[in-house]
């Protein structure tokens, strides 16, 4: 970082290399641009550093805010923790306001500026899930994107595990670590049905959409021995193998079905727990 406190693209790339990343690496990136402090070149510089260092870069590019709708009136699945439109007229109005997924839709703002900048400024592959798409760039991009199915949206993370890929957390905590959701879902937890517009006047029910993550930082002490960490500017950068995240999260959940869930009866965490308990032997 220079005397003015500005982080450069070269410094970000150098930090990624010090983490152990190179042209053979495949990473799922969760990033906060603000966490770096001031970046010379902004989000574009972060993207260039990632693409220039790693062989394959994947990010979540969901469009829930534009494509998602409430559940239709009367459609209530067990332990689904979702709201229904009060009337069919209200549902039709919401459906009219939503848009179907197209590859040029912007990434939800809550996923951060780096993901949207990656979509806008760099040639990429993007999956077509109506709520929860991924985008990927590089050697294995197509393989990862093709691993997503409507009924199994986190398939790209399974494919990343097969490649011995890594989760890269740039200035964010494990509450952003979607790989933990995959571990949950493999054990029958946090598998929710959600709804999206797919064409004018048409909607779709989509299974296995994940739920809450606000207690996921509880996994950090367990993952610390297999985490590589350093600072890039003001950014806390952490690298963990996908396989290690899955193994650790699975071990916690098998030991305690309520691991990394809150106990608020009004939270989706409670519904996720009930899903897990429902498949355990009596």
Protein backbone atom coordinates (compact mmCIF):
# COMPACT_ATOMS: atom_id res chain seq x y z
CA UNK A 1 0.00 0.00 0.00
CA UNK A 2 1.45 3.40 -0.96
CA UNK A 3 1.81 6.39 1.36
CA UNK A 4 -1.63 7.65 0.40
CA UNK A 5 -3.21 4.40 1.54
CA UNK A 6 -4.13 3.26 -1.98
CA UNK A 7 -3.93 -0.43 -2.89
CA UNK A 8 -2.83 -1.17 -6.44
CA UNK A 9 -3.74 -4.01 -8.78
CA UNK A 10 -0.18 -5.32 -8.55
CA UNK A 11 -0.35 -5.38 -4.76
CA UNK A 12 -3.63 -7.33 -4.87
CA UNK A 13 -2.11 -9.81 -7.32
CA UNK A 14 1.00 -10.13 -5.13
CA UNK A 15 -1.20 -10.85 -2.13
CA UNK A 16 -3.08 -13.54 -4.04
CA UNK A 17 0.20 -15.19 -4.98
CA UNK A 18 1.36 -15.07 -1.34
CA UNK A 19 -1.86 -16.87 -0.42
CA UNK A 20 -0.74 -19.68 -2.71
CA UNK A 21 -2.80 -18.98 -5.82
CA UNK A 22 -1.50 -19.36 -9.37
CA UNK A 23 -2.60 -20.24 -12.90
CA UNK A 24 -3.58 -23.76 -11.80
CA UNK A 25 -5.92 -22.49 -9.08
CA UNK A 26 -9.73 -22.55 -9.23
CA UNK A 27 -11.49 -20.32 -6.72
CA UNK A 28 -14.98 -19.33 -5.62
CA UNK A 29 -14.60 -15.67 -4.67
CA UNK A 30 -16.67 -13.76 -2.13
CA UNK A 31 -15.40 -10.18 -2.05
CA UNK A 32 -16.00 -6.78 -0.49
CA UNK A 33 -14.39 -3.96 -2.48
CA UNK A 34 -14.67 -1.60 0.49
CA UNK A 35 -12.62 -3.94 2.67
CA UNK A 36 -9.41 -3.11 0.75
CA UNK A 37 -9.58 0.58 1.56
CA UNK A 38 -8.95 2.71 -1.53
CA UNK A 39 -8.16 0.65 -4.63
CA UNK A 40 -6.46 2.25 -7.60
CA UNK A 41 -8.73 1.22 -10.45
CA UNK A 42 -11.59 0.16 -8.19
CA UNK A 43 -13.45 -3.10 -8.68
CA UNK A 44 -11.95 -3.51 -12.17
CA UNK A 45 -8.47 -3.74 -10.64
CA UNK A 46 -9.63 -6.43 -8.21
CA UNK A 47 -11.14 -8.40 -11.10
CA UNK A 48 -7.99 -8.10 -13.21
CA UNK A 49 -5.83 -9.25 -10.31
CA UNK A 50 -8.06 -12.28 -9.75
CA UNK A 51 -8.22 -13.26 -13.41
CA UNK A 52 -4.54 -12.59 -13.98
CA UNK A 53 -3.49 -14.73 -11.04
CA UNK A 54 -5.94 -17.63 -11.00
CA UNK A 55 -6.72 -20.18 -13.68
CA UNK A 56 -10.45 -20.17 -12.95
CA UNK A 57 -12.50 -17.60 -11.05
CA UNK A 58 -16.14 -18.20 -10.07
CA UNK A 59 -18.56 -15.85 -8.33
CA UNK A 60 -22.24 -15.91 -7.42
CA UNK A 61 -24.31 -13.73 -9.77
CA UNK A 62 -27.82 -14.14 -8.38
CA UNK A 63 -30.73 -12.00 -9.54
CA UNK A 64 -33.27 -12.63 -6.78
CA UNK A 65 -34.20 -8.95 -6.40
CA UNK A 66 -35.40 -8.79 -10.01
CA UNK A 67 -36.70 -12.30 -10.69
CA UNK A 68 -38.01 -13.50 -7.32
CA UNK A 69 -41.65 -13.51 -6.24
CA UNK A 70 -43.63 -14.58 -3.17
CA UNK A 71 -45.16 -18.02 -2.95
CA UNK A 72 -48.63 -18.10 -4.51
CA UNK A 73 -51.61 -18.02 -2.13
CA UNK A 74 -52.16 -21.33 -0.38
CA UNK A 75 -48.92 -22.98 -1.54
CA UNK A 76 -47.23 -23.92 1.74
CA UNK A 77 -44.62 -26.65 1.97
CA UNK A 78 -43.52 -28.07 5.35
CA UNK A 79 -40.64 -26.23 6.99
CA UNK A 80 -40.31 -23.87 4.04
CA UNK A 81 -40.23 -20.56 5.97
CA UNK A 82 -41.46 -18.31 3.18
CA UNK A 83 -44.21 -15.78 2.79
CA UNK A 84 -47.25 -16.11 0.53
CA UNK A 85 -48.92 -13.43 -1.48
CA UNK A 86 -52.15 -12.59 0.33
CA UNK A 87 -54.32 -12.86 -2.78
CA UNK A 88 -53.96 -14.02 -6.37
CA UNK A 89 -54.39 -10.41 -7.43
CA UNK A 90 -51.39 -9.42 -5.29
CA UNK A 91 -49.42 -12.35 -6.66
CA UNK A 92 -50.23 -11.39 -10.25
CA UNK A 93 -49.19 -7.80 -9.54
CA UNK A 94 -45.84 -8.94 -8.12
CA UNK A 95 -45.36 -11.31 -11.02
CA UNK A 96 -45.96 -8.44 -13.41
CA UNK A 97 -43.29 -6.35 -11.68
CA UNK A 98 -40.65 -9.11 -11.71
CA UNK A 99 -38.61 -9.99 -14.79
CA UNK A 100 -37.54 -13.36 -16.22
CA UNK A 101 -33.88 -14.24 -15.98
CA UNK A 102 -31.66 -13.29 -18.90
CA UNK A 103 -27.84 -13.49 -19.00
CA UNK A 104 -27.53 -9.70 -19.10
CA UNK A 105 -29.40 -9.05 -15.85
CA UNK A 106 -27.32 -7.25 -13.19
CA UNK A 107 -26.07 -9.12 -10.15
CA UNK A 108 -27.99 -8.45 -6.93
CA UNK A 109 -26.42 -5.45 -5.20
CA UNK A 110 -25.98 -7.30 -1.91
CA UNK A 111 -23.49 -9.61 -3.66
CA UNK A 112 -21.11 -6.69 -4.12
CA UNK A 113 -19.56 -4.50 -6.77
CA UNK A 114 -16.81 -6.96 -7.68
CA UNK A 115 -19.28 -9.57 -8.95
CA UNK A 116 -21.22 -7.02 -11.00
CA UNK A 117 -18.00 -5.57 -12.40
CA UNK A 118 -16.88 -9.06 -13.38
CA UNK A 119 -20.16 -9.50 -15.26
CA UNK A 120 -19.97 -6.15 -17.02
CA UNK A 121 -16.32 -5.99 -17.93
CA UNK A 122 -14.97 -9.48 -18.57
CA UNK A 123 -15.91 -12.32 -20.93
CA UNK A 124 -17.49 -15.05 -18.83
CA UNK A 125 -19.75 -18.08 -18.68
CA UNK A 126 -22.97 -17.61 -16.70
CA UNK A 127 -25.52 -20.18 -15.60
CA UNK A 128 -29.22 -19.57 -16.09
CA UNK A 129 -30.81 -20.40 -12.73
CA UNK A 130 -33.72 -17.94 -12.37
CA UNK A 131 -32.69 -16.92 -8.84
CA UNK A 132 -29.16 -18.08 -8.14
CA UNK A 133 -26.82 -18.03 -11.11
CA UNK A 134 -23.03 -18.30 -11.08
CA UNK A 135 -20.52 -16.71 -13.41
CA UNK A 136 -17.07 -18.11 -14.13
CA UNK A 137 -13.99 -17.14 -16.11
CA UNK A 138 -11.01 -19.22 -17.13
CA UNK A 139 -9.87 -22.79 -17.71
CA UNK A 140 -12.71 -24.69 -16.04
CA UNK A 141 -15.43 -22.07 -16.37
CA UNK A 142 -17.73 -24.08 -18.57
CA UNK A 143 -17.35 -27.25 -16.50
CA UNK A 144 -18.34 -25.37 -13.35
CA UNK A 145 -21.28 -23.57 -14.90
CA UNK A 146 -22.65 -26.70 -16.54
CA UNK A 147 -22.71 -28.40 -13.13
CA UNK A 148 -25.68 -26.27 -12.06
CA UNK A 149 -29.16 -27.74 -12.45
CA UNK A 150 -32.50 -26.16 -11.63
CA UNK A 151 -33.06 -28.74 -8.91
CA UNK A 152 -29.50 -28.46 -7.57
CA UNK A 153 -28.30 -24.84 -7.75
CA UNK A 154 -25.10 -25.37 -5.75
CA UNK A 155 -23.79 -27.96 -8.21
CA UNK A 156 -20.94 -25.65 -9.35
CA UNK A 157 -19.46 -25.81 -5.87
CA UNK A 158 -19.49 -29.61 -5.98
CA UNK A 159 -17.68 -29.40 -9.32
CA UNK A 160 -15.19 -26.98 -7.77
CA UNK A 161 -14.52 -29.50 -4.98
CA UNK A 162 -13.78 -32.15 -7.62
CA UNK A 163 -11.18 -29.76 -9.05
CA UNK A 164 -9.65 -29.38 -5.56
CA UNK A 165 -10.63 -25.73 -5.70
CA UNK A 166 -10.70 -23.14 -2.95
CA UNK A 167 -13.00 -20.61 -1.33
CA UNK A 168 -11.44 -17.13 -1.35
CA UNK A 169 -12.87 -14.69 1.20
CA UNK A 170 -11.78 -11.12 0.50
CA UNK A 171 -12.89 -8.88 3.34
CA UNK A 172 -15.99 -10.92 4.15
CA UNK A 173 -16.77 -13.53 6.79
CA UNK A 174 -18.10 -17.05 6.63
CA UNK A 175 -21.61 -15.57 6.59
CA UNK A 176 -20.83 -15.12 2.87
CA UNK A 177 -19.36 -18.62 2.49
CA UNK A 178 -21.94 -20.37 0.31
CA UNK A 179 -19.96 -23.62 0.42
CA UNK A 180 -21.28 -24.14 3.95
CA UNK A 181 -24.78 -24.17 2.48
CA UNK A 182 -23.75 -27.02 0.20
CA UNK A 183 -22.63 -29.05 3.22
CA UNK A 184 -26.00 -28.35 4.84
CA UNK A 185 -27.92 -29.42 1.77
CA UNK A 186 -25.93 -32.61 1.36
CA UNK A 187 -27.19 -33.46 4.85
CA UNK A 188 -30.81 -32.50 4.16
CA UNK A 189 -30.75 -29.09 5.84
CA UNK A 190 -31.55 -25.62 4.45
CA UNK A 191 -33.28 -26.98 1.35
CA UNK A 192 -36.02 -24.45 0.67
CA UNK A 193 -38.48 -23.95 -2.18
CA UNK A 194 -38.53 -20.50 -3.72
CA UNK A 195 -40.33 -18.87 -6.64
CA UNK A 196 -39.32 -16.86 -9.69
CA UNK A 197 -40.79 -15.37 -12.82
CA UNK A 198 -39.61 -17.32 -15.86
CA UNK A 199 -41.68 -15.77 -18.70
CA UNK A 200 -44.47 -13.21 -19.08
CA UNK A 201 -47.30 -14.38 -16.83
CA UNK A 202 -45.40 -17.55 -15.83
CA UNK A 203 -43.62 -18.58 -12.64
CA UNK A 204 -41.63 -21.55 -11.39
CA UNK A 205 -41.12 -23.30 -8.07
CA UNK A 206 -37.41 -23.92 -7.50
CA UNK A 207 -36.14 -26.46 -4.92
CA UNK A 208 -33.00 -26.54 -2.81
CA UNK A 209 -32.49 -22.81 -2.41
CA UNK A 210 -30.40 -22.21 0.72
CA UNK A 211 -31.42 -20.23 3.79
CA UNK A 212 -29.82 -18.23 6.59
CA UNK A 213 -26.08 -17.86 7.17
CA UNK A 214 -25.85 -15.31 10.00
CA UNK A 215 -24.32 -17.85 12.42
CA UNK A 216 -21.80 -19.29 9.95
CA UNK A 217 -18.85 -17.45 11.52
CA UNK A 218 -19.09 -20.03 14.31
CA UNK A 219 -17.18 -22.38 11.98
CA UNK A 220 -14.07 -20.16 11.98
CA UNK A 221 -12.21 -21.76 14.92
CA UNK A 222 -12.67 -25.19 13.35
CA UNK A 223 -11.38 -24.01 9.97
CA UNK A 224 -8.46 -21.94 11.28
CA UNK A 225 -5.91 -24.79 11.04
CA UNK A 226 -6.65 -25.23 7.32
CA UNK A 227 -6.99 -21.54 6.47
CA UNK A 228 -4.28 -19.43 4.86
CA UNK A 229 -4.67 -15.78 5.82
CA UNK A 230 -2.98 -12.44 5.17
CA UNK A 231 -3.74 -8.76 4.66
CA UNK A 232 -4.01 -7.09 1.27
CA UNK A 233 -4.23 -3.41 2.10
CA UNK A 234 -6.94 -3.32 4.76
CA UNK A 235 -8.56 -6.48 3.41
CA UNK A 236 -8.50 -9.66 5.47
CA UNK A 237 -7.93 -12.30 2.79
CA UNK A 238 -8.55 -15.99 3.58
CA UNK A 239 -8.15 -19.10 1.44
CA UNK A 240 -9.67 -22.47 2.37
CA UNK A 241 -10.00 -25.61 0.27
CA UNK A 242 -13.61 -26.35 -0.67
CA UNK A 243 -13.12 -29.92 0.54
CA UNK A 244 -12.03 -28.65 3.96
CA UNK A 245 -15.06 -26.36 4.28
CA UNK A 246 -17.41 -29.21 3.34
CA UNK A 247 -15.74 -31.69 5.69
CA UNK A 248 -15.69 -29.31 8.64
CA UNK A 249 -19.26 -28.07 8.20
CA UNK A 250 -20.53 -31.62 7.72
CA UNK A 251 -18.75 -32.80 10.86
CA UNK A 252 -20.32 -30.00 12.91
CA UNK A 253 -23.83 -30.68 11.59
CA UNK A 254 -23.59 -34.45 12.07
CA UNK A 255 -22.47 -33.86 15.66
CA UNK A 256 -25.16 -31.22 16.30
CA UNK A 257 -28.08 -30.79 13.88
CA UNK A 258 -28.44 -27.18 15.10
CA UNK A 259 -24.79 -26.25 14.50
CA UNK A 260 -24.40 -22.75 13.01
CA UNK A 261 -28.14 -22.07 13.36
CA UNK A 262 -29.85 -19.62 15.67
CA UNK A 263 -32.78 -20.76 17.81
CA UNK A 264 -35.17 -17.94 16.97
CA UNK A 265 -38.48 -19.67 16.28
CA UNK A 266 -39.36 -17.03 13.69
CA UNK A 267 -36.11 -17.44 11.71
CA UNK A 268 -35.49 -19.69 8.73
CA UNK A 269 -32.85 -21.38 10.90
CA UNK A 270 -35.61 -23.17 12.78
CA UNK A 271 -37.14 -24.48 9.56
CA UNK A 272 -33.72 -25.63 8.37
CA UNK A 273 -33.22 -27.53 11.63
CA UNK A 274 -36.60 -29.23 11.32
CA UNK A 275 -35.67 -30.37 7.81
CA UNK A 276 -32.55 -32.04 9.17
CA UNK A 277 -34.34 -33.62 12.12
CA UNK A 278 -37.04 -35.00 9.83
CA UNK A 279 -34.56 -37.26 8.02
CA UNK A 280 -32.70 -38.52 11.09
CA UNK A 281 -33.57 -41.95 12.51
CA UNK A 282 -36.02 -41.86 15.39
